[in-house]
């Protein structure tokens, strides 16, 4: 049962990232300049926090593993996207995903693990 909860949490966390990223890409692709980049980076940070929070809440006490898997999936997909050149997103968006979204999703899960141990 523990493994199934981790898998479910990983799927939920990655889906939160994917849906959030799809919703954010449209305004980013239509605009240019510093305000759009700032909006995109804030959005990527919020997506990372949301995906980590959903993974931690779904994991049933296995937040650490869920966080590692979700952030790993996000990072792996983004690195593959950068290496192969898939997707129409700007490079700064992909780098922002690596620098903000993946680490923040892990951080939220690890923070949830720490609060469970302290409480």
Protein backbone atom coordinates (compact mmCIF):
# COMPACT_ATOMS: atom_id res chain seq x y z
CA UNK A 1 0.00 0.00 0.00
CA UNK A 2 2.91 2.33 0.76
CA UNK A 3 4.31 1.97 -2.77
CA UNK A 4 0.90 2.67 -4.31
CA UNK A 5 0.56 5.88 -2.29
CA UNK A 6 3.99 7.03 -3.45
CA UNK A 7 3.09 6.27 -7.07
CA UNK A 8 -0.24 8.06 -6.72
CA UNK A 9 1.42 11.07 -5.10
CA UNK A 10 4.03 11.19 -7.85
CA UNK A 11 1.38 11.07 -10.57
CA UNK A 12 -0.72 13.75 -8.86
CA UNK A 13 2.30 16.01 -8.33
CA UNK A 14 3.50 15.65 -11.91
CA UNK A 15 0.00 16.22 -13.28
CA UNK A 16 -0.24 19.40 -11.22
CA UNK A 17 3.02 20.54 -12.79
CA UNK A 18 1.89 19.60 -16.31
CA UNK A 19 -1.51 21.29 -16.06
CA UNK A 20 -0.07 24.40 -14.41
CA UNK A 21 2.67 24.61 -17.00
CA UNK A 22 0.19 24.30 -19.87
CA UNK A 23 -1.94 27.09 -18.40
CA UNK A 24 1.09 29.32 -17.94
CA UNK A 25 2.68 28.74 -21.35
CA UNK A 26 -0.05 30.52 -23.29
CA UNK A 27 0.44 33.98 -21.73
CA UNK A 28 4.21 33.53 -21.81
CA UNK A 29 4.22 32.66 -25.50
CA UNK A 30 2.02 35.62 -26.46
CA UNK A 31 4.05 38.33 -24.73
CA UNK A 32 7.57 39.64 -24.65
CA UNK A 33 9.80 41.54 -22.30
CA UNK A 34 10.70 41.65 -18.65
CA UNK A 35 7.12 41.71 -17.28
CA UNK A 36 6.29 38.44 -19.07
CA UNK A 37 9.51 36.84 -17.83
CA UNK A 38 8.71 37.96 -14.27
CA UNK A 39 5.16 36.60 -14.59
CA UNK A 40 6.52 33.34 -15.95
CA UNK A 41 9.06 32.89 -13.17
CA UNK A 42 6.51 33.65 -10.45
CA UNK A 43 4.12 31.23 -12.12
CA UNK A 44 6.79 28.53 -12.27
CA UNK A 45 7.52 29.01 -8.57
CA UNK A 46 3.83 28.72 -7.72
CA UNK A 47 3.52 25.61 -9.88
CA UNK A 48 6.45 24.05 -8.04
CA UNK A 49 4.92 24.84 -4.65
CA UNK A 50 1.51 23.49 -5.71
CA UNK A 51 2.86 20.29 -7.23
CA UNK A 52 4.97 19.59 -4.14
CA UNK A 53 2.10 20.35 -1.80
CA UNK A 54 -0.29 18.05 -3.70
CA UNK A 55 2.30 15.27 -3.79
CA UNK A 56 2.97 15.63 -0.06
CA UNK A 57 -0.75 15.63 0.80
CA UNK A 58 -1.43 12.58 -1.38
CA UNK A 59 1.59 10.56 -0.27
CA UNK A 60 0.15 9.33 3.02
CA UNK A 61 3.27 9.95 5.08
CA UNK A 62 5.79 9.23 2.32
CA UNK A 63 6.48 12.85 1.45
CA UNK A 64 10.21 12.42 1.01
CA UNK A 65 9.93 9.76 -1.69
CA UNK A 66 7.09 11.57 -3.43
CA UNK A 67 9.14 14.76 -3.48
CA UNK A 68 12.20 13.05 -4.93
CA UNK A 69 10.16 11.36 -7.64
CA UNK A 70 8.09 14.43 -8.62
CA UNK A 71 11.07 16.79 -8.74
CA UNK A 72 13.08 14.14 -10.59
CA UNK A 73 10.36 13.69 -13.19
CA UNK A 74 10.06 17.45 -13.69
CA UNK A 75 13.82 17.85 -14.02
CA UNK A 76 14.21 14.82 -16.30
CA UNK A 77 11.42 15.97 -18.63
CA UNK A 78 12.84 19.49 -18.76
CA UNK A 79 16.42 18.36 -19.45
CA UNK A 80 15.16 16.04 -22.19
CA UNK A 81 13.12 18.93 -23.60
CA UNK A 82 16.19 21.18 -23.62
CA UNK A 83 18.46 18.51 -25.10
CA UNK A 84 16.11 17.43 -27.87
CA UNK A 85 14.72 20.89 -28.54
CA UNK A 86 11.09 19.91 -28.18
CA UNK A 87 8.43 22.38 -27.25
CA UNK A 88 7.90 25.98 -28.23
CA UNK A 89 8.65 27.44 -24.80
CA UNK A 90 11.50 29.93 -24.58
CA UNK A 91 14.77 28.68 -23.12
CA UNK A 92 14.40 30.92 -20.04
CA UNK A 93 11.10 29.15 -19.29
CA UNK A 94 12.75 25.74 -19.41
CA UNK A 95 15.70 26.89 -17.29
CA UNK A 96 13.23 28.45 -14.84
CA UNK A 97 11.54 25.09 -14.57
CA UNK A 98 14.86 23.48 -13.67
CA UNK A 99 15.89 26.20 -11.25
CA UNK A 100 12.53 26.95 -9.59
CA UNK A 101 9.81 24.37 -10.18
CA UNK A 102 11.71 21.14 -9.57
CA UNK A 103 13.58 22.28 -6.43
CA UNK A 104 10.51 23.96 -4.91
CA UNK A 105 8.39 20.84 -5.35
CA UNK A 106 11.06 18.84 -3.52
CA UNK A 107 11.45 21.51 -0.84
CA UNK A 108 7.73 21.48 -0.03
CA UNK A 109 7.74 17.69 0.31
CA UNK A 110 10.84 17.72 2.51
CA UNK A 111 9.36 20.49 4.64
CA UNK A 112 6.22 18.40 5.07
CA UNK A 113 8.41 15.47 6.14
CA UNK A 114 10.16 17.66 8.71
CA UNK A 115 6.88 18.94 10.14
CA UNK A 116 5.56 15.37 10.46
CA UNK A 117 8.68 14.31 12.38
CA UNK A 118 8.57 17.37 14.64
CA UNK A 119 4.88 16.89 15.44
